Amino acid sequence: MEATMTLGVSAIINICISLVCIVFAWRVLWNVKLEKWLRVPNPSQARALLILLSVAIGHQVARFLIDYLDWSRLIGQTLF
């Protein structure tokens, strides 16, 4: 039962980290003003690109942070 609880908590933490990283990437990319750089007639296309880039970048950052946390746990279990 304890292993299931630990796995559930780890999953919730991973989901939260992923969502926070995606929102952070979206906030950063929002300030870039892609509409001006791309010069598209329809700004909704630039917004769609913004969402896709936010998800892609946020996922990569979250994956790095989650891997880092996992590696830290492994070091703690191995050494101590």
C-alpha atoms as a PDB file:
ATOM      1  CA  MET A   1       0.000   0.000   0.000  1.00  0.00           C
ATOM      2  CA  GLU A   2       2.832   2.393   0.821  1.00  0.00           C
ATOM      3  CA  ALA A   3       4.442   1.947  -2.610  1.00  0.00           C
ATOM      4  CA  THR A   4       1.130   2.803  -4.289  1.00  0.00           C
ATOM      5  CA  MET A   5       0.806   5.936  -2.174  1.00  0.00           C
ATOM      6  CA  THR A   6       4.356   7.006  -3.019  1.00  0.00           C
ATOM      7  CA  LEU A   7       3.714   6.413  -6.715  1.00  0.00           C
ATOM      8  CA  GLY A   8       0.507   8.471  -6.564  1.00  0.00           C
ATOM      9  CA  VAL A   9       2.195  11.389  -4.818  1.00  0.00           C
ATOM     10  CA  SER A  10       5.043  11.266  -7.321  1.00  0.00           C
ATOM     11  CA  ALA A  11       2.559  11.363 -10.209  1.00  0.00           C
ATOM     12  CA  ILE A  12       0.756  14.387  -8.746  1.00  0.00           C
ATOM     13  CA  ILE A  13       4.068  16.197  -8.252  1.00  0.00           C
ATOM     14  CA  ASN A  14       5.080  15.426 -11.854  1.00  0.00           C
ATOM     15  CA  ILE A  15       1.760  16.733 -13.191  1.00  0.00           C
ATOM     16  CA  CYS A  16       2.067  19.928 -11.153  1.00  0.00           C
ATOM     17  CA  ILE A  17       5.649  20.504 -12.307  1.00  0.00           C
ATOM     18  CA  SER A  18       4.602  19.986 -15.937  1.00  0.00           C
ATOM     19  CA  LEU A  19       1.696  22.407 -15.702  1.00  0.00           C
ATOM     20  CA  VAL A  20       3.763  25.067 -13.946  1.00  0.00           C
ATOM     21  CA  CYS A  21       6.517  24.807 -16.570  1.00  0.00           C
ATOM     22  CA  ILE A  22       4.035  25.055 -19.443  1.00  0.00           C
ATOM     23  CA  VAL A  23       2.385  28.126 -17.906  1.00  0.00           C
ATOM     24  CA  PHE A  24       5.803  29.669 -17.267  1.00  0.00           C
ATOM     25  CA  ALA A  25       6.857  29.074 -20.889  1.00  0.00           C
ATOM     26  CA  TRP A  26       3.569  30.564 -22.095  1.00  0.00           C
ATOM     27  CA  ARG A  27       4.069  33.695 -19.962  1.00  0.00           C
ATOM     28  CA  VAL A  28       7.611  34.138 -21.266  1.00  0.00           C
ATOM     29  CA  LEU A  29       6.637  33.599 -24.906  1.00  0.00           C
ATOM     30  CA  TRP A  30       3.629  35.893 -24.549  1.00  0.00           C
ATOM     31  CA  ASN A  31       6.042  38.814 -24.012  1.00  0.00           C
ATOM     32  CA  VAL A  32       7.919  38.010 -27.235  1.00  0.00           C
ATOM     33  CA  LYS A  33       4.989  39.221 -29.406  1.00  0.00           C
ATOM     34  CA  LEU A  34       5.151  36.586 -32.127  1.00  0.00           C
ATOM     35  CA  GLU A  35       2.485  38.396 -34.138  1.00  0.00           C
ATOM     36  CA  LYS A  36       4.952  41.139 -35.039  1.00  0.00           C
ATOM     37  CA  TRP A  37       7.790  38.784 -35.914  1.00  0.00           C
ATOM     38  CA  LEU A  38       5.743  36.429 -38.075  1.00  0.00           C
ATOM     39  CA  ARG A  39       3.662  39.110 -39.816  1.00  0.00           C
ATOM     40  CA  VAL A  40       0.676  36.855 -40.306  1.00  0.00           C
ATOM     41  CA  PRO A  41      -2.625  38.422 -41.362  1.00  0.00           C
ATOM     42  CA  ASN A  42      -4.547  36.382 -38.803  1.00  0.00           C
ATOM     43  CA  PRO A  43      -3.218  36.733 -35.220  1.00  0.00           C
ATOM     44  CA  SER A  44      -4.952  33.512 -34.187  1.00  0.00           C
ATOM     45  CA  GLN A  45      -2.307  31.596 -36.161  1.00  0.00           C
ATOM     46  CA  ALA A  46       0.426  33.224 -34.096  1.00  0.00           C
ATOM     47  CA  ARG A  47      -1.489  32.402 -30.910  1.00  0.00           C
ATOM     48  CA  ALA A  48      -1.777  28.760 -31.959  1.00  0.00           C
ATOM     49  CA  LEU A  49       1.975  28.684 -32.548  1.00  0.00           C
ATOM     50  CA  LEU A  50       2.467  30.295 -29.144  1.00  0.00           C
ATOM     51  CA  ILE A  51       0.450  27.529 -27.481  1.00  0.00           C
ATOM     52  CA  LEU A  52       2.326  24.774 -29.295  1.00  0.00           C
ATOM     53  CA  LEU A  53       5.718  26.297 -28.493  1.00  0.00           C
ATOM     54  CA  SER A  54       4.693  26.763 -24.864  1.00  0.00           C
ATOM     55  CA  VAL A  55       3.722  23.119 -24.527  1.00  0.00           C
ATOM     56  CA  ALA A  56       6.901  21.910 -26.253  1.00  0.00           C
ATOM     57  CA  ILE A  57       9.287  24.114 -24.263  1.00  0.00           C
ATOM     58  CA  GLY A  58       7.394  23.653 -21.000  1.00  0.00           C
ATOM     59  CA  HIS A  59       7.428  19.887 -21.403  1.00  0.00           C
ATOM     60  CA  GLN A  60      11.184  19.831 -21.998  1.00  0.00           C
ATOM     61  CA  VAL A  61      11.871  22.004 -18.953  1.00  0.00           C
ATOM     62  CA  ALA A  62       9.516  19.902 -16.813  1.00  0.00           C
ATOM     63  CA  ARG A  63      11.148  16.676 -18.024  1.00  0.00           C
ATOM     64  CA  PHE A  64      14.546  18.052 -16.988  1.00  0.00           C
ATOM     65  CA  LEU A  65      13.282  19.048 -13.539  1.00  0.00           C
ATOM     66  CA  ILE A  66      11.519  15.721 -12.979  1.00  0.00           C
ATOM     67  CA  ASP A  67      14.613  13.786 -14.054  1.00  0.00           C
ATOM     68  CA  TYR A  68      16.731  15.929 -11.737  1.00  0.00           C
ATOM     69  CA  LEU A  69      14.407  15.150  -8.814  1.00  0.00           C
ATOM     70  CA  ASP A  70      14.511  11.434  -9.620  1.00  0.00           C
ATOM     71  CA  TRP A  71      18.299  11.448  -9.817  1.00  0.00           C
ATOM     72  CA  SER A  72      18.479  13.262  -6.486  1.00  0.00           C
ATOM     73  CA  ARG A  73      16.261  10.623  -4.882  1.00  0.00           C
ATOM     74  CA  LEU A  74      18.423   7.840  -6.302  1.00  0.00           C
ATOM     75  CA  ILE A  75      21.569   9.424  -4.923  1.00  0.00           C
ATOM     76  CA  GLY A  76      19.907   9.789  -1.531  1.00  0.00           C
ATOM     77  CA  GLN A  77      18.826   6.141  -1.527  1.00  0.00           C
ATOM     78  CA  THR A  78      22.206   4.889  -2.734  1.00  0.00           C
ATOM     79  CA  LEU A  79      24.475   6.856  -0.422  1.00  0.00           C
ATOM     80  CA  PHE A  80      22.446   6.925   2.761  1.00  0.00           C
END
